[in-house]
Amino acid sequence: MKQKIIVLSLLSIVMFNCKTETKPENNSLLVANEEKPVLTKTLDGKIPIDLEKSVVNWQGSMLFSFGKHYGTVNFKEGFLEFDNGKIMGGHFTVAMNTIVNTDGDYNEDLISHLKNEDFFDVPQFPESQLEFLTFEYVNTNRLRIDTNLTIKGITKPITVYNVDFFPEESKLYTKFKIDRTDFGISYNTKSLAKVKNYAISDAVELEVELYLK
């Protein structure tokens, strides 16, 4: 009889424990499923550009025909300056010796000509510079910027419209044209070309892509 009572008691304890036992919460799963807040860093101070990703795309064309050449030139150094997320300054140096064409295979004759005294005279003027001066915000991320552009030692004021800054990509992008004759580059201009069809447009198109580190 005592054995029966003991067995019944053990069974009661086991059954009670089975009914009251609860599974532990999977805290790691709950933490993983929680939405993590997105942290946005406010840009401030001088931030250097990423020299590997940043580039200037250039394009020059004939005046009376459809011929054109285009390519790239790389930055030597540069920075954008911010104040509480707003662009307040910038200075950039381009290494003119890095100029290449990308319209087909590398054209050694073309590049050698662009580097000599007819065009950029790279041995004498190895660097060009762009300095941001004053700013007007057209909307949240689009600006109009007054700049100084220096090519072949000649500095000219250039107003650059539609400068777009993409904070999520840390990227600044713009496109503008310059008059090469303003910087002493007059080779085969309309007035100097001996053959009309060989005349080269004075306008040079520049497309600037800047990425921050």
C-alpha atoms as a PDB file:
ATOM      1  CA  MET A   1       0.000   0.000   0.000  1.00  0.00           C
ATOM      2  CA  LYS A   2       2.788   2.372   0.852  1.00  0.00           C
ATOM      3  CA  GLN A   3       4.422   1.650  -2.502  1.00  0.00           C
ATOM      4  CA  LYS A   4       1.175   2.560  -4.320  1.00  0.00           C
ATOM      5  CA  ILE A   5       0.948   5.859  -2.428  1.00  0.00           C
ATOM      6  CA  ILE A   6       4.571   6.705  -3.269  1.00  0.00           C
ATOM      7  CA  VAL A   7       4.072   5.898  -6.967  1.00  0.00           C
ATOM      8  CA  LEU A   8       0.877   7.991  -7.112  1.00  0.00           C
ATOM      9  CA  SER A   9       2.652  10.886  -5.445  1.00  0.00           C
ATOM     10  CA  LEU A  10       5.515  10.765  -7.945  1.00  0.00           C
ATOM     11  CA  LEU A  11       3.092  10.697 -10.858  1.00  0.00           C
ATOM     12  CA  SER A  12       1.227  13.722  -9.464  1.00  0.00           C
ATOM     13  CA  ILE A  13       4.459  15.691  -9.150  1.00  0.00           C
ATOM     14  CA  VAL A  14       5.543  14.818 -12.702  1.00  0.00           C
ATOM     15  CA  MET A  15       2.154  15.745 -14.186  1.00  0.00           C
ATOM     16  CA  PHE A  16       2.054  19.023 -12.253  1.00  0.00           C
ATOM     17  CA  ASN A  17       5.508  19.989 -13.508  1.00  0.00           C
ATOM     18  CA  CYS A  18       4.555  19.149 -17.095  1.00  0.00           C
ATOM     19  CA  LYS A  19       1.488  21.393 -16.944  1.00  0.00           C
ATOM     20  CA  THR A  20       3.237  24.371 -15.410  1.00  0.00           C
ATOM     21  CA  GLU A  21       6.455  24.259 -17.468  1.00  0.00           C
ATOM     22  CA  THR A  22       6.692  27.114 -19.991  1.00  0.00           C
ATOM     23  CA  LYS A  23       9.110  27.523 -22.842  1.00  0.00           C
ATOM     24  CA  PRO A  24      11.713  30.244 -22.373  1.00  0.00           C
ATOM     25  CA  GLU A  25      11.389  33.234 -24.649  1.00  0.00           C
ATOM     26  CA  ASN A  26      13.857  33.336 -27.499  1.00  0.00           C
ATOM     27  CA  ASN A  27      15.325  36.738 -26.645  1.00  0.00           C
ATOM     28  CA  SER A  28      17.914  36.555 -29.416  1.00  0.00           C
ATOM     29  CA  LEU A  29      15.146  36.127 -32.011  1.00  0.00           C
ATOM     30  CA  LEU A  30      13.185  39.041 -30.579  1.00  0.00           C
ATOM     31  CA  VAL A  31      16.265  41.272 -30.671  1.00  0.00           C
ATOM     32  CA  ALA A  32      17.014  40.260 -34.250  1.00  0.00           C
ATOM     33  CA  ASN A  33      13.465  41.091 -35.336  1.00  0.00           C
ATOM     34  CA  GLU A  34      13.474  44.521 -33.710  1.00  0.00           C
ATOM     35  CA  GLU A  35      13.942  47.393 -36.151  1.00  0.00           C
ATOM     36  CA  LYS A  36      17.312  49.010 -35.673  1.00  0.00           C
ATOM     37  CA  PRO A  37      17.305  52.818 -35.784  1.00  0.00           C
ATOM     38  CA  VAL A  38      19.024  54.328 -38.830  1.00  0.00           C
ATOM     39  CA  LEU A  39      21.762  56.687 -37.707  1.00  0.00           C
ATOM     40  CA  THR A  40      22.582  59.597 -39.982  1.00  0.00           C
ATOM     41  CA  LYS A  41      25.847  61.404 -39.487  1.00  0.00           C
ATOM     42  CA  THR A  42      25.813  65.168 -39.879  1.00  0.00           C
ATOM     43  CA  LEU A  43      28.715  66.234 -42.061  1.00  0.00           C
ATOM     44  CA  ASP A  44      30.932  68.878 -40.491  1.00  0.00           C
ATOM     45  CA  GLY A  45      34.373  70.338 -41.136  1.00  0.00           C
ATOM     46  CA  LYS A  46      36.757  69.549 -43.989  1.00  0.00           C
ATOM     47  CA  ILE A  47      36.242  66.105 -45.512  1.00  0.00           C
ATOM     48  CA  PRO A  48      38.729  64.827 -48.121  1.00  0.00           C
ATOM     49  CA  ILE A  49      37.508  63.370 -51.383  1.00  0.00           C
ATOM     50  CA  ASP A  50      38.022  59.756 -52.370  1.00  0.00           C
ATOM     51  CA  LEU A  51      40.739  59.993 -55.023  1.00  0.00           C
ATOM     52  CA  GLU A  52      40.078  56.506 -56.381  1.00  0.00           C
ATOM     53  CA  LYS A  53      36.398  57.156 -57.121  1.00  0.00           C
ATOM     54  CA  SER A  54      36.333  60.885 -57.909  1.00  0.00           C
ATOM     55  CA  VAL A  55      36.911  61.922 -61.524  1.00  0.00           C
ATOM     56  CA  VAL A  56      36.495  64.673 -64.112  1.00  0.00           C
ATOM     57  CA  ASN A  57      35.016  63.558 -67.429  1.00  0.00           C
ATOM     58  CA  TRP A  58      35.870  65.850 -70.355  1.00  0.00           C
ATOM     59  CA  GLN A  59      34.621  66.204 -73.906  1.00  0.00           C
ATOM     60  CA  GLY A  60      35.807  68.305 -76.831  1.00  0.00           C
ATOM     61  CA  SER A  61      34.241  68.426 -80.281  1.00  0.00           C
ATOM     62  CA  MET A  62      34.796  69.751 -83.768  1.00  0.00           C
ATOM     63  CA  LEU A  63      32.985  72.964 -84.650  1.00  0.00           C
ATOM     64  CA  PHE A  64      31.638  72.155 -88.127  1.00  0.00           C
ATOM     65  CA  SER A  65      31.682  68.351 -88.130  1.00  0.00           C
ATOM     66  CA  PHE A  66      30.509  65.572 -85.836  1.00  0.00           C
ATOM     67  CA  GLY A  67      33.940  64.500 -84.638  1.00  0.00           C
ATOM     68  CA  LYS A  68      34.639  64.562 -80.918  1.00  0.00           C
ATOM     69  CA  HIS A  69      36.914  63.149 -78.252  1.00  0.00           C
ATOM     70  CA  TYR A  70      36.167  62.438 -74.617  1.00  0.00           C
ATOM     71  CA  GLY A  71      37.964  60.982 -71.639  1.00  0.00           C
ATOM     72  CA  THR A  72      38.904  61.483 -68.005  1.00  0.00           C
ATOM     73  CA  VAL A  73      41.402  63.278 -65.799  1.00  0.00           C
ATOM     74  CA  ASN A  74      42.022  62.477 -62.139  1.00  0.00           C
ATOM     75  CA  PHE A  75      42.203  64.495 -58.947  1.00  0.00           C
ATOM     76  CA  LYS A  76      45.437  64.890 -57.042  1.00  0.00           C
ATOM     77  CA  GLU A  77      43.778  66.136 -53.860  1.00  0.00           C
ATOM     78  CA  GLY A  78      40.698  67.950 -52.659  1.00  0.00           C
ATOM     79  CA  PHE A  79      38.124  68.452 -49.928  1.00  0.00           C
ATOM     80  CA  LEU A  80      34.600  69.672 -49.286  1.00  0.00           C
ATOM     81  CA  GLU A  81      33.930  71.790 -46.221  1.00  0.00           C
ATOM     82  CA  PHE A  82      30.663  71.479 -44.309  1.00  0.00           C
ATOM     83  CA  ASP A  83      28.921  73.380 -41.547  1.00  0.00           C
ATOM     84  CA  ASN A  84      26.131  71.360 -39.929  1.00  0.00           C
ATOM     85  CA  GLY A  85      25.527  69.396 -43.113  1.00  0.00           C
ATOM     86  CA  LYS A  86      25.672  72.384 -45.473  1.00  0.00           C
ATOM     87  CA  ILE A  87      28.455  72.781 -48.041  1.00  0.00           C
ATOM     88  CA  MET A  88      30.432  75.900 -47.190  1.00  0.00           C
ATOM     89  CA  GLY A  89      33.655  75.476 -49.138  1.00  0.00           C
ATOM     90  CA  GLY A  90      35.809  73.280 -51.291  1.00  0.00           C
ATOM     91  CA  HIS A  91      39.150  73.169 -53.062  1.00  0.00           C
ATOM     92  CA  PHE A  92      40.323  70.628 -55.619  1.00  0.00           C
ATOM     93  CA  THR A  93      43.517  69.975 -57.553  1.00  0.00           C
ATOM     94  CA  VAL A  94      43.589  68.004 -60.801  1.00  0.00           C
ATOM     95  CA  ALA A  95      46.702  66.179 -61.997  1.00  0.00           C
ATOM     96  CA  MET A  96      46.804  67.092 -65.699  1.00  0.00           C
ATOM     97  CA  ASN A  97      49.307  64.350 -66.472  1.00  0.00           C
ATOM     98  CA  THR A  98      46.530  61.784 -65.844  1.00  0.00           C
ATOM     99  CA  ILE A  99      44.435  62.948 -68.808  1.00  0.00           C
ATOM    100  CA  VAL A 100      43.380  60.078 -71.089  1.00  0.00           C
ATOM    101  CA  ASN A 101      40.801  59.464 -73.779  1.00  0.00           C
ATOM    102  CA  THR A 102      38.071  56.849 -73.331  1.00  0.00           C
ATOM    103  CA  ASP A 103      36.480  57.086 -76.800  1.00  0.00           C
ATOM    104  CA  GLY A 104      37.870  53.810 -78.054  1.00  0.00           C
ATOM    105  CA  ASP A 105      41.445  52.617 -77.596  1.00  0.00           C
ATOM    106  CA  TYR A 106      44.029  54.808 -75.916  1.00  0.00           C
ATOM    107  CA  ASN A 107      45.176  57.366 -78.485  1.00  0.00           C
ATOM    108  CA  GLU A 108      48.810  58.201 -77.748  1.00  0.00           C
ATOM    109  CA  ASP A 109      49.027  60.890 -80.430  1.00  0.00           C
ATOM    110  CA  LEU A 110      45.907  62.632 -79.127  1.00  0.00           C
ATOM    111  CA  ILE A 111      47.047  62.557 -75.500  1.00  0.00           C
ATOM    112  CA  SER A 112      50.531  63.777 -76.384  1.00  0.00           C
ATOM    113  CA  HIS A 113      48.951  66.662 -78.297  1.00  0.00           C
ATOM    114  CA  LEU A 114      46.627  67.556 -75.402  1.00  0.00           C
ATOM    115  CA  LYS A 115      49.634  67.627 -73.070  1.00  0.00           C
ATOM    116  CA  ASN A 116      51.802  69.878 -75.246  1.00  0.00           C
ATOM    117  CA  GLU A 117      51.777  73.661 -75.595  1.00  0.00           C
ATOM    118  CA  ASP A 118      48.939  73.670 -78.156  1.00  0.00           C
ATOM    119  CA  PHE A 119      46.540  72.721 -75.379  1.00  0.00           C
ATOM    120  CA  PHE A 120      47.314  72.261 -71.665  1.00  0.00           C
ATOM    121  CA  ASP A 121      51.137  72.442 -71.704  1.00  0.00           C
ATOM    122  CA  VAL A 122      51.321  69.885 -68.902  1.00  0.00           C
ATOM    123  CA  PRO A 123      55.128  70.013 -68.376  1.00  0.00           C
ATOM    124  CA  GLN A 124      54.798  73.737 -67.616  1.00  0.00           C
ATOM    125  CA  PHE A 125      51.403  73.582 -65.843  1.00  0.00           C
ATOM    126  CA  PRO A 126      50.989  70.116 -64.271  1.00  0.00           C
ATOM    127  CA  GLU A 127      47.989  71.078 -62.139  1.00  0.00           C
ATOM    128  CA  SER A 128      44.600  72.719 -62.565  1.00  0.00           C
ATOM    129  CA  GLN A 129      42.522  73.896 -59.629  1.00  0.00           C
ATOM    130  CA  LEU A 130      38.902  74.568 -58.741  1.00  0.00           C
ATOM    131  CA  GLU A 131      37.928  76.582 -55.675  1.00  0.00           C
ATOM    132  CA  PHE A 132      34.384  76.977 -54.335  1.00  0.00           C
ATOM    133  CA  LEU A 133      33.659  80.548 -53.229  1.00  0.00           C
ATOM    134  CA  THR A 134      29.995  81.393 -52.638  1.00  0.00           C
ATOM    135  CA  PHE A 135      26.897  79.225 -52.513  1.00  0.00           C
ATOM    136  CA  GLU A 136      23.182  79.486 -53.100  1.00  0.00           C
ATOM    137  CA  TYR A 137      20.925  76.577 -52.199  1.00  0.00           C
ATOM    138  CA  VAL A 138      18.264  76.149 -54.886  1.00  0.00           C
ATOM    139  CA  ASN A 139      16.643  73.380 -52.849  1.00  0.00           C
ATOM    140  CA  THR A 140      17.714  70.935 -50.138  1.00  0.00           C
ATOM    141  CA  ASN A 141      20.484  69.254 -52.132  1.00  0.00           C
ATOM    142  CA  ARG A 142      20.958  71.432 -55.229  1.00  0.00           C
ATOM    143  CA  LEU A 143      23.255  74.456 -55.292  1.00  0.00           C
ATOM    144  CA  ARG A 144      24.530  77.237 -57.497  1.00  0.00           C
ATOM    145  CA  ILE A 145      28.220  77.788 -56.775  1.00  0.00           C
ATOM    146  CA  ASP A 146      30.529  80.633 -57.766  1.00  0.00           C
ATOM    147  CA  THR A 147      34.021  79.267 -58.302  1.00  0.00           C
ATOM    148  CA  ASN A 148      37.515  80.146 -59.423  1.00  0.00           C
ATOM    149  CA  LEU A 149      38.927  77.809 -62.060  1.00  0.00           C
ATOM    150  CA  THR A 150      42.653  77.829 -62.779  1.00  0.00           C
ATOM    151  CA  ILE A 151      44.058  76.255 -65.956  1.00  0.00           C
ATOM    152  CA  LYS A 152      47.551  76.926 -67.362  1.00  0.00           C
ATOM    153  CA  GLY A 153      48.138  79.412 -64.556  1.00  0.00           C
ATOM    154  CA  ILE A 154      45.133  81.535 -65.604  1.00  0.00           C
ATOM    155  CA  THR A 155      42.312  81.962 -63.081  1.00  0.00           C
ATOM    156  CA  LYS A 156      38.787  82.796 -64.222  1.00  0.00           C
ATOM    157  CA  PRO A 157      35.489  83.060 -62.312  1.00  0.00           C
ATOM    158  CA  ILE A 158      33.018  80.335 -63.272  1.00  0.00           C
ATOM    159  CA  THR A 159      29.441  80.063 -62.034  1.00  0.00           C
ATOM    160  CA  VAL A 160      28.362  76.437 -61.838  1.00  0.00           C
ATOM    161  CA  TYR A 161      24.619  75.804 -61.885  1.00  0.00           C
ATOM    162  CA  ASN A 162      22.794  72.637 -60.856  1.00  0.00           C
ATOM    163  CA  VAL A 163      25.374  71.233 -58.477  1.00  0.00           C
ATOM    164  CA  ASP A 164      23.751  68.192 -56.851  1.00  0.00           C
ATOM    165  CA  PHE A 165      24.852  66.678 -53.551  1.00  0.00           C
ATOM    166  CA  PHE A 166      23.642  63.214 -52.565  1.00  0.00           C
ATOM    167  CA  PRO A 167      24.247  62.744 -48.795  1.00  0.00           C
ATOM    168  CA  GLU A 168      23.325  59.050 -48.807  1.00  0.00           C
ATOM    169  CA  GLU A 169      26.035  58.418 -51.407  1.00  0.00           C
ATOM    170  CA  SER A 170      28.476  61.076 -50.135  1.00  0.00           C
ATOM    171  CA  LYS A 171      28.594  62.287 -53.735  1.00  0.00           C
ATOM    172  CA  LEU A 172      28.634  65.679 -55.464  1.00  0.00           C
ATOM    173  CA  TYR A 173      27.831  65.857 -59.165  1.00  0.00           C
ATOM    174  CA  THR A 174      27.715  68.652 -61.721  1.00  0.00           C
ATOM    175  CA  LYS A 175      28.222  69.321 -65.398  1.00  0.00           C
ATOM    176  CA  PHE A 176      29.271  72.592 -67.034  1.00  0.00           C
ATOM    177  CA  LYS A 177      31.111  74.047 -70.016  1.00  0.00           C
ATOM    178  CA  ILE A 178      34.105  76.346 -70.198  1.00  0.00           C
ATOM    179  CA  ASP A 179      35.545  78.478 -73.002  1.00  0.00           C
ATOM    180  CA  ARG A 180      39.058  77.144 -73.540  1.00  0.00           C
ATOM    181  CA  THR A 181      40.210  80.426 -75.062  1.00  0.00           C
ATOM    182  CA  ASP A 182      39.709  82.069 -71.649  1.00  0.00           C
ATOM    183  CA  PHE A 183      42.653  79.971 -70.499  1.00  0.00           C
ATOM    184  CA  GLY A 184      44.960  80.663 -73.411  1.00  0.00           C
ATOM    185  CA  ILE A 185      44.065  77.526 -75.412  1.00  0.00           C
ATOM    186  CA  SER A 186      43.453  78.806 -78.930  1.00  0.00           C
ATOM    187  CA  TYR A 187      44.645  75.929 -81.113  1.00  0.00           C
ATOM    188  CA  ASN A 188      42.425  75.563 -84.229  1.00  0.00           C
ATOM    189  CA  THR A 189      39.767  77.951 -83.029  1.00  0.00           C
ATOM    190  CA  LYS A 190      37.350  79.170 -85.686  1.00  0.00           C
ATOM    191  CA  SER A 191      39.435  82.238 -86.421  1.00  0.00           C
ATOM    192  CA  LEU A 192      42.767  80.379 -86.551  1.00  0.00           C
ATOM    193  CA  ALA A 193      41.939  77.078 -88.253  1.00  0.00           C
ATOM    194  CA  LYS A 194      43.437  76.945 -91.760  1.00  0.00           C
ATOM    195  CA  VAL A 195      40.739  74.514 -92.887  1.00  0.00           C
ATOM    196  CA  LYS A 196      37.187  75.247 -91.764  1.00  0.00           C
ATOM    197  CA  ASN A 197      36.333  71.611 -91.120  1.00  0.00           C
ATOM    198  CA  TYR A 198      39.347  71.302 -88.814  1.00  0.00           C
ATOM    199  CA  ALA A 199      38.091  74.016 -86.473  1.00  0.00           C
ATOM    200  CA  ILE A 200      37.656  72.866 -82.879  1.00  0.00           C
ATOM    201  CA  SER A 201      34.855  74.193 -80.695  1.00  0.00           C
ATOM    202  CA  ASP A 202      35.918  76.648 -78.009  1.00  0.00           C
ATOM    203  CA  ALA A 203      33.505  74.954 -75.587  1.00  0.00           C
ATOM    204  CA  VAL A 204      34.844  72.094 -73.469  1.00  0.00           C
ATOM    205  CA  GLU A 205      32.333  70.061 -71.474  1.00  0.00           C
ATOM    206  CA  LEU A 206      33.321  69.014 -67.958  1.00  0.00           C
ATOM    207  CA  GLU A 207      31.410  66.505 -65.850  1.00  0.00           C
ATOM    208  CA  VAL A 208      32.566  66.357 -62.246  1.00  0.00           C
ATOM    209  CA  GLU A 209      31.934  63.433 -59.893  1.00  0.00           C
ATOM    210  CA  LEU A 210      33.213  63.877 -56.347  1.00  0.00           C
ATOM    211  CA  TYR A 211      32.985  61.184 -53.668  1.00  0.00           C
ATOM    212  CA  LEU A 212      33.836  61.790 -50.029  1.00  0.00           C
ATOM    213  CA  LYS A 213      35.934  59.400 -47.984  1.00  0.00           C
END
